[in-house]
Amino acid sequence: MASLNQRRFLWIVIALLLFSTIGSHVQSAGNPRKTNIESFPYKQGILIPLDTSKAILQDQPIDIRITFDNPCWGKNETVHSVRVGVDDGTGIQEIESQIYDLEHSDETHITACSLVFLIPETANGKEKYYVLYDSQETDPANYPKHVSIEDTHYFYEPIPGQTIDFDYYGIRQEGFVIYAVIQKGQLLGNPIALSAIKFKPNSPPSKPSIWIS
């Protein structure tokens, strides 16, 4: 079982990779969508420390720490009431988000978490961002499943005595492993742990090839 530091590192890397690299290539991944988000009883403003009127910032990830002013229902990184909304002056619309590094007050409530989301393509610098949540159980966020994550092992010996052998969390998109978050192992005779590496595009799912520059 992974240690607390390993799990925290995993969530940080996965959240940033999914949103900054994979999520930005999925159509409308960071765009607002109409939901019942305004029905959530609690709303807090999110201060974005960037000028979102710059086109270069569209689809860029925001990773921010949130402390809740009210009780927030949440069991873990996927079962919770936390939502992110953006208001361009016509009402709050939801954008996809991910939380990690949760601080719990009890088994079903959190007092703080780290929050990751993308700046939407509609951003013009005048929009406002909010985190919305509930103290009671809510339906889970129904976001499209862009990727999957697997806990697996990799072994390859290109030259006798020079092995690539490690346990890793594989991040797959459309069946292909895009990134590996290494737990521990060996890379050509050198120990490696808590690192992220990239696989070559469209590598066979059964034996992805590491991108080594």
C-alpha atoms as a PDB file:
ATOM      1  CA  MET A   1       0.000   0.000   0.000  1.00  0.00           C
ATOM      2  CA  ALA A   2       1.297   3.442  -0.890  1.00  0.00           C
ATOM      3  CA  SER A   3       2.377   5.729   1.947  1.00  0.00           C
ATOM      4  CA  LEU A   4       0.648   9.027   2.700  1.00  0.00           C
ATOM      5  CA  ASN A   5       3.397  10.969   0.902  1.00  0.00           C
ATOM      6  CA  GLN A   6       3.162   8.654  -2.108  1.00  0.00           C
ATOM      7  CA  ARG A   7      -0.616   9.091  -2.328  1.00  0.00           C
ATOM      8  CA  ARG A   8      -0.315  12.859  -1.972  1.00  0.00           C
ATOM      9  CA  PHE A   9       2.368  12.993  -4.677  1.00  0.00           C
ATOM     10  CA  LEU A  10       0.231  10.803  -6.923  1.00  0.00           C
ATOM     11  CA  TRP A  11      -2.827  13.037  -6.629  1.00  0.00           C
ATOM     12  CA  ILE A  12      -0.825  16.203  -7.257  1.00  0.00           C
ATOM     13  CA  VAL A  13       0.816  14.763 -10.378  1.00  0.00           C
ATOM     14  CA  ILE A  14      -2.352  13.131 -11.704  1.00  0.00           C
ATOM     15  CA  ALA A  15      -4.452  16.230 -11.187  1.00  0.00           C
ATOM     16  CA  LEU A  16      -1.963  18.482 -12.942  1.00  0.00           C
ATOM     17  CA  LEU A  17      -1.258  16.046 -15.765  1.00  0.00           C
ATOM     18  CA  LEU A  18      -4.890  15.262 -16.441  1.00  0.00           C
ATOM     19  CA  PHE A  19      -5.948  18.877 -16.582  1.00  0.00           C
ATOM     20  CA  SER A  20      -2.917  20.592 -18.102  1.00  0.00           C
ATOM     21  CA  THR A  21      -1.886  18.018 -20.703  1.00  0.00           C
ATOM     22  CA  ILE A  22      -4.670  15.533 -21.313  1.00  0.00           C
ATOM     23  CA  GLY A  23      -7.690  17.582 -20.401  1.00  0.00           C
ATOM     24  CA  SER A  24      -6.682  20.490 -22.607  1.00  0.00           C
ATOM     25  CA  HIS A  25      -6.810  18.229 -25.680  1.00  0.00           C
ATOM     26  CA  VAL A  26     -10.315  16.951 -24.959  1.00  0.00           C
ATOM     27  CA  GLN A  27     -13.021  18.983 -26.670  1.00  0.00           C
ATOM     28  CA  SER A  28     -14.802  21.311 -24.211  1.00  0.00           C
ATOM     29  CA  ALA A  29     -12.992  19.813 -21.196  1.00  0.00           C
ATOM     30  CA  GLY A  30     -12.591  23.222 -19.578  1.00  0.00           C
ATOM     31  CA  ASN A  31     -15.655  24.957 -20.991  1.00  0.00           C
ATOM     32  CA  PRO A  32     -18.639  25.989 -18.840  1.00  0.00           C
ATOM     33  CA  ARG A  33     -21.788  23.893 -18.969  1.00  0.00           C
ATOM     34  CA  LYS A  34     -25.285  24.449 -17.655  1.00  0.00           C
ATOM     35  CA  THR A  35     -26.037  22.529 -14.440  1.00  0.00           C
ATOM     36  CA  ASN A  36     -27.963  23.095 -11.219  1.00  0.00           C
ATOM     37  CA  ILE A  37     -24.808  24.339  -9.531  1.00  0.00           C
ATOM     38  CA  GLU A  38     -26.556  27.462  -8.181  1.00  0.00           C
ATOM     39  CA  SER A  39     -28.720  25.229  -6.004  1.00  0.00           C
ATOM     40  CA  PHE A  40     -25.730  24.475  -3.750  1.00  0.00           C
ATOM     41  CA  PRO A  41     -26.180  26.326  -0.436  1.00  0.00           C
ATOM     42  CA  TYR A  42     -22.590  27.528   0.025  1.00  0.00           C
ATOM     43  CA  LYS A  43     -20.515  29.666  -2.327  1.00  0.00           C
ATOM     44  CA  GLN A  44     -17.047  31.173  -1.899  1.00  0.00           C
ATOM     45  CA  GLY A  45     -15.170  33.347  -4.354  1.00  0.00           C
ATOM     46  CA  ILE A  46     -11.913  32.111  -5.865  1.00  0.00           C
ATOM     47  CA  LEU A  47      -9.234  34.713  -6.532  1.00  0.00           C
ATOM     48  CA  ILE A  48      -7.330  33.825  -9.709  1.00  0.00           C
ATOM     49  CA  PRO A  49      -3.785  35.295  -9.515  1.00  0.00           C
ATOM     50  CA  LEU A  50      -3.578  35.646 -13.316  1.00  0.00           C
ATOM     51  CA  ASP A  51      -4.868  37.941 -16.042  1.00  0.00           C
ATOM     52  CA  THR A  52      -7.346  35.577 -17.705  1.00  0.00           C
ATOM     53  CA  SER A  53      -7.968  38.012 -20.565  1.00  0.00           C
ATOM     54  CA  LYS A  54      -4.764  36.704 -22.159  1.00  0.00           C
ATOM     55  CA  ALA A  55      -5.569  34.031 -24.736  1.00  0.00           C
ATOM     56  CA  ILE A  56      -2.473  32.050 -23.763  1.00  0.00           C
ATOM     57  CA  LEU A  57      -4.075  31.277 -20.389  1.00  0.00           C
ATOM     58  CA  GLN A  58      -7.147  29.575 -21.845  1.00  0.00           C
ATOM     59  CA  ASP A  59      -7.198  25.873 -20.926  1.00  0.00           C
ATOM     60  CA  GLN A  60      -4.367  26.423 -18.450  1.00  0.00           C
ATOM     61  CA  PRO A  61      -4.652  24.724 -15.037  1.00  0.00           C
ATOM     62  CA  ILE A  62      -5.263  26.503 -11.763  1.00  0.00           C
ATOM     63  CA  ASP A  63      -4.119  24.675  -8.626  1.00  0.00           C
ATOM     64  CA  ILE A  64      -5.293  26.450  -5.486  1.00  0.00           C
ATOM     65  CA  ARG A  65      -5.814  25.664  -1.799  1.00  0.00           C
ATOM     66  CA  ILE A  66      -9.362  26.103  -0.488  1.00  0.00           C
ATOM     67  CA  THR A  67     -10.437  26.395   3.151  1.00  0.00           C
ATOM     68  CA  PHE A  68     -14.189  26.034   3.569  1.00  0.00           C
ATOM     69  CA  ASP A  69     -16.112  28.591   5.616  1.00  0.00           C
ATOM     70  CA  ASN A  70     -18.921  26.097   6.227  1.00  0.00           C
ATOM     71  CA  PRO A  71     -19.140  22.302   6.652  1.00  0.00           C
ATOM     72  CA  CYS A  72     -18.407  20.616   3.310  1.00  0.00           C
ATOM     73  CA  TRP A  73     -19.632  17.109   2.587  1.00  0.00           C
ATOM     74  CA  GLY A  74     -16.894  14.924   1.182  1.00  0.00           C
ATOM     75  CA  LYS A  75     -15.636  11.400   1.732  1.00  0.00           C
ATOM     76  CA  ASN A  76     -12.670  11.255  -0.634  1.00  0.00           C
ATOM     77  CA  GLU A  77     -11.194  12.684  -3.849  1.00  0.00           C
ATOM     78  CA  THR A  78     -14.089  11.459  -6.005  1.00  0.00           C
ATOM     79  CA  VAL A  79     -17.092  11.375  -3.648  1.00  0.00           C
ATOM     80  CA  HIS A  80     -17.751  14.929  -2.500  1.00  0.00           C
ATOM     81  CA  SER A  81     -19.946  18.003  -3.021  1.00  0.00           C
ATOM     82  CA  VAL A  82     -17.250  20.404  -4.250  1.00  0.00           C
ATOM     83  CA  ARG A  83     -17.954  22.134  -7.572  1.00  0.00           C
ATOM     84  CA  VAL A  84     -16.326  25.010  -9.440  1.00  0.00           C
ATOM     85  CA  GLY A  85     -18.399  27.632 -11.220  1.00  0.00           C
ATOM     86  CA  VAL A  86     -17.615  30.572 -13.485  1.00  0.00           C
ATOM     87  CA  ASP A  87     -19.860  33.603 -13.973  1.00  0.00           C
ATOM     88  CA  ASP A  88     -19.447  35.779 -17.053  1.00  0.00           C
ATOM     89  CA  GLY A  89     -22.330  38.007 -15.991  1.00  0.00           C
ATOM     90  CA  THR A  90     -25.099  35.722 -17.209  1.00  0.00           C
ATOM     91  CA  GLY A  91     -25.121  33.319 -14.251  1.00  0.00           C
ATOM     92  CA  ILE A  92     -22.877  30.660 -12.756  1.00  0.00           C
ATOM     93  CA  GLN A  93     -22.010  27.694 -14.952  1.00  0.00           C
ATOM     94  CA  GLU A  94     -20.041  24.647 -13.850  1.00  0.00           C
ATOM     95  CA  ILE A  95     -16.571  23.719 -15.087  1.00  0.00           C
ATOM     96  CA  GLU A  96     -14.848  20.406 -14.465  1.00  0.00           C
ATOM     97  CA  SER A  97     -12.604  20.193 -11.420  1.00  0.00           C
ATOM     98  CA  GLN A  98     -10.615  17.777  -9.263  1.00  0.00           C
ATOM     99  CA  ILE A  99      -9.752  17.876  -5.560  1.00  0.00           C
ATOM    100  CA  TYR A 100      -6.871  16.269  -3.643  1.00  0.00           C
ATOM    101  CA  ASP A 101      -4.968  16.542  -0.343  1.00  0.00           C
ATOM    102  CA  LEU A 102      -8.168  16.627   1.730  1.00  0.00           C
ATOM    103  CA  GLU A 103      -8.340  17.678   5.384  1.00  0.00           C
ATOM    104  CA  HIS A 104     -11.194  15.913   7.196  1.00  0.00           C
ATOM    105  CA  SER A 105     -13.200  17.038  10.219  1.00  0.00           C
ATOM    106  CA  ASP A 106     -14.960  13.644  10.310  1.00  0.00           C
ATOM    107  CA  GLU A 107     -15.565  10.701   7.966  1.00  0.00           C
ATOM    108  CA  THR A 108     -17.955  12.609   5.703  1.00  0.00           C
ATOM    109  CA  HIS A 109     -16.840  16.246   5.915  1.00  0.00           C
ATOM    110  CA  ILE A 110     -13.741  18.165   4.869  1.00  0.00           C
ATOM    111  CA  THR A 111     -12.423  21.501   6.071  1.00  0.00           C
ATOM    112  CA  ALA A 112      -9.924  22.144   3.259  1.00  0.00           C
ATOM    113  CA  CYS A 113      -8.573  20.681   0.031  1.00  0.00           C
ATOM    114  CA  SER A 114      -6.472  21.505  -2.992  1.00  0.00           C
ATOM    115  CA  LEU A 115      -8.529  22.296  -6.068  1.00  0.00           C
ATOM    116  CA  VAL A 116      -7.553  21.999  -9.747  1.00  0.00           C
ATOM    117  CA  PHE A 117      -9.503  23.250 -12.770  1.00  0.00           C
ATOM    118  CA  LEU A 118      -8.928  24.748 -16.205  1.00  0.00           C
ATOM    119  CA  ILE A 119      -9.375  28.354 -17.221  1.00  0.00           C
ATOM    120  CA  PRO A 120     -12.249  28.112 -19.749  1.00  0.00           C
ATOM    121  CA  GLU A 121     -11.877  29.093 -23.399  1.00  0.00           C
ATOM    122  CA  THR A 122     -14.546  31.750 -22.848  1.00  0.00           C
ATOM    123  CA  ALA A 123     -12.407  33.619 -20.295  1.00  0.00           C
ATOM    124  CA  ASN A 124     -11.988  37.355 -20.965  1.00  0.00           C
ATOM    125  CA  GLY A 125     -10.629  38.654 -17.671  1.00  0.00           C
ATOM    126  CA  LYS A 126     -14.017  39.875 -16.427  1.00  0.00           C
ATOM    127  CA  GLU A 127     -15.438  36.521 -15.340  1.00  0.00           C
ATOM    128  CA  LYS A 128     -15.628  35.471 -11.680  1.00  0.00           C
ATOM    129  CA  TYR A 129     -14.855  32.058 -10.209  1.00  0.00           C
ATOM    130  CA  TYR A 130     -16.510  30.304  -7.279  1.00  0.00           C
ATOM    131  CA  VAL A 131     -16.285  27.086  -5.322  1.00  0.00           C
ATOM    132  CA  LEU A 132     -19.735  25.799  -4.403  1.00  0.00           C
ATOM    133  CA  TYR A 133     -20.521  22.983  -1.980  1.00  0.00           C
ATOM    134  CA  ASP A 134     -23.052  21.435   0.389  1.00  0.00           C
ATOM    135  CA  SER A 135     -22.945  20.159   3.961  1.00  0.00           C
ATOM    136  CA  GLN A 136     -25.234  17.278   2.993  1.00  0.00           C
ATOM    137  CA  GLU A 137     -24.666  14.351   0.624  1.00  0.00           C
ATOM    138  CA  THR A 138     -24.987  15.278  -3.045  1.00  0.00           C
ATOM    139  CA  ASP A 139     -24.987  13.362  -6.302  1.00  0.00           C
ATOM    140  CA  PRO A 140     -21.447  12.825  -7.621  1.00  0.00           C
ATOM    141  CA  ALA A 141     -20.161  15.068 -10.391  1.00  0.00           C
ATOM    142  CA  ASN A 142     -21.081  13.538 -13.736  1.00  0.00           C
ATOM    143  CA  TYR A 143     -18.005  14.508 -15.758  1.00  0.00           C
ATOM    144  CA  PRO A 144     -17.021  12.633 -18.934  1.00  0.00           C
ATOM    145  CA  LYS A 145     -14.360   9.999 -18.287  1.00  0.00           C
ATOM    146  CA  HIS A 146     -11.426  11.310 -20.273  1.00  0.00           C
ATOM    147  CA  VAL A 147      -8.817   8.957 -18.837  1.00  0.00           C
ATOM    148  CA  SER A 148      -8.321   5.901 -16.644  1.00  0.00           C
ATOM    149  CA  ILE A 149      -5.673   5.079 -14.047  1.00  0.00           C
ATOM    150  CA  GLU A 150      -4.155   1.664 -13.356  1.00  0.00           C
ATOM    151  CA  ASP A 151      -1.763   0.345 -10.704  1.00  0.00           C
ATOM    152  CA  THR A 152       0.659  -1.945 -12.560  1.00  0.00           C
ATOM    153  CA  HIS A 153       4.261  -2.975 -13.239  1.00  0.00           C
ATOM    154  CA  TYR A 154       6.749  -2.362 -16.065  1.00  0.00           C
ATOM    155  CA  PHE A 155       9.766  -4.491 -16.993  1.00  0.00           C
ATOM    156  CA  TYR A 156      12.088  -4.196 -19.985  1.00  0.00           C
ATOM    157  CA  GLU A 157      15.706  -5.259 -20.497  1.00  0.00           C
ATOM    158  CA  PRO A 158      17.032  -3.625 -23.692  1.00  0.00           C
ATOM    159  CA  ILE A 159      20.603  -4.713 -22.865  1.00  0.00           C
ATOM    160  CA  PRO A 160      21.556  -7.640 -20.608  1.00  0.00           C
ATOM    161  CA  GLY A 161      22.049  -6.270 -17.115  1.00  0.00           C
ATOM    162  CA  GLN A 162      20.396  -2.921 -17.940  1.00  0.00           C
ATOM    163  CA  THR A 163      16.792  -3.176 -16.827  1.00  0.00           C
ATOM    164  CA  ILE A 164      13.814  -0.863 -16.594  1.00  0.00           C
ATOM    165  CA  ASP A 165      11.804  -2.345 -13.751  1.00  0.00           C
ATOM    166  CA  PHE A 166       9.313  -0.380 -11.655  1.00  0.00           C
ATOM    167  CA  ASP A 167       5.839  -0.251 -10.123  1.00  0.00           C
ATOM    168  CA  TYR A 168       3.784   2.627 -11.461  1.00  0.00           C
ATOM    169  CA  TYR A 169       0.386   4.260 -11.827  1.00  0.00           C
ATOM    170  CA  GLY A 170      -0.382   4.379 -15.538  1.00  0.00           C
ATOM    171  CA  ILE A 171      -2.528   7.217 -16.870  1.00  0.00           C
ATOM    172  CA  ARG A 172      -4.365   6.036 -19.982  1.00  0.00           C
ATOM    173  CA  GLN A 173      -6.154   8.055 -22.628  1.00  0.00           C
ATOM    174  CA  GLU A 174      -8.236   6.173 -25.198  1.00  0.00           C
ATOM    175  CA  GLY A 175      -6.477   2.937 -24.252  1.00  0.00           C
ATOM    176  CA  PHE A 176      -2.917   4.265 -24.514  1.00  0.00           C
ATOM    177  CA  VAL A 177      -0.643   4.933 -21.549  1.00  0.00           C
ATOM    178  CA  ILE A 178       0.338   8.608 -21.717  1.00  0.00           C
ATOM    179  CA  TYR A 179       2.151   9.041 -18.407  1.00  0.00           C
ATOM    180  CA  ALA A 180       3.508   6.857 -15.642  1.00  0.00           C
ATOM    181  CA  VAL A 181       3.752   8.010 -12.040  1.00  0.00           C
ATOM    182  CA  ILE A 182       6.497   5.751 -10.705  1.00  0.00           C
ATOM    183  CA  GLN A 183       6.148   4.365  -7.197  1.00  0.00           C
ATOM    184  CA  LYS A 184       9.579   2.725  -6.948  1.00  0.00           C
ATOM    185  CA  GLY A 185      11.996   0.653  -8.998  1.00  0.00           C
ATOM    186  CA  GLN A 186      15.048   0.763 -11.266  1.00  0.00           C
ATOM    187  CA  LEU A 187      15.751   2.701 -14.452  1.00  0.00           C
ATOM    188  CA  LEU A 188      18.823   1.373 -16.289  1.00  0.00           C
ATOM    189  CA  GLY A 189      20.539   0.512 -13.039  1.00  0.00           C
ATOM    190  CA  ASN A 190      19.561   3.665 -11.166  1.00  0.00           C
ATOM    191  CA  PRO A 191      16.944   3.710  -8.395  1.00  0.00           C
ATOM    192  CA  ILE A 192      13.839   5.753  -9.185  1.00  0.00           C
ATOM    193  CA  ALA A 193      10.787   6.667  -7.105  1.00  0.00           C
ATOM    194  CA  LEU A 194       8.012   9.271  -6.941  1.00  0.00           C
ATOM    195  CA  SER A 195       8.673  10.464 -10.479  1.00  0.00           C
ATOM    196  CA  ALA A 196       6.552  11.056 -13.574  1.00  0.00           C
ATOM    197  CA  ILE A 197       7.678   9.926 -17.029  1.00  0.00           C
ATOM    198  CA  LYS A 198       6.093  10.166 -20.467  1.00  0.00           C
ATOM    199  CA  PHE A 199       5.472   7.244 -22.816  1.00  0.00           C
ATOM    200  CA  LYS A 200       5.793   7.491 -26.593  1.00  0.00           C
ATOM    201  CA  PRO A 201       2.493   8.360 -28.328  1.00  0.00           C
ATOM    202  CA  ASN A 202       0.357   5.419 -29.508  1.00  0.00           C
ATOM    203  CA  SER A 203       2.612   2.814 -27.914  1.00  0.00           C
ATOM    204  CA  PRO A 204       1.018  -0.662 -27.704  1.00  0.00           C
ATOM    205  CA  PRO A 205      -1.105  -0.714 -24.533  1.00  0.00           C
ATOM    206  CA  SER A 206       0.402  -4.045 -23.477  1.00  0.00           C
ATOM    207  CA  LYS A 207       3.987  -2.715 -23.621  1.00  0.00           C
ATOM    208  CA  PRO A 208       4.201   1.085 -23.835  1.00  0.00           C
ATOM    209  CA  SER A 209       7.543   2.604 -24.789  1.00  0.00           C
ATOM    210  CA  ILE A 210       9.199   5.164 -22.532  1.00  0.00           C
ATOM    211  CA  TRP A 211       9.991   8.553 -24.039  1.00  0.00           C
ATOM    212  CA  ILE A 212      13.701   9.084 -23.309  1.00  0.00           C
ATOM    213  CA  SER A 213      15.266  12.201 -24.800  1.00  0.00           C
END
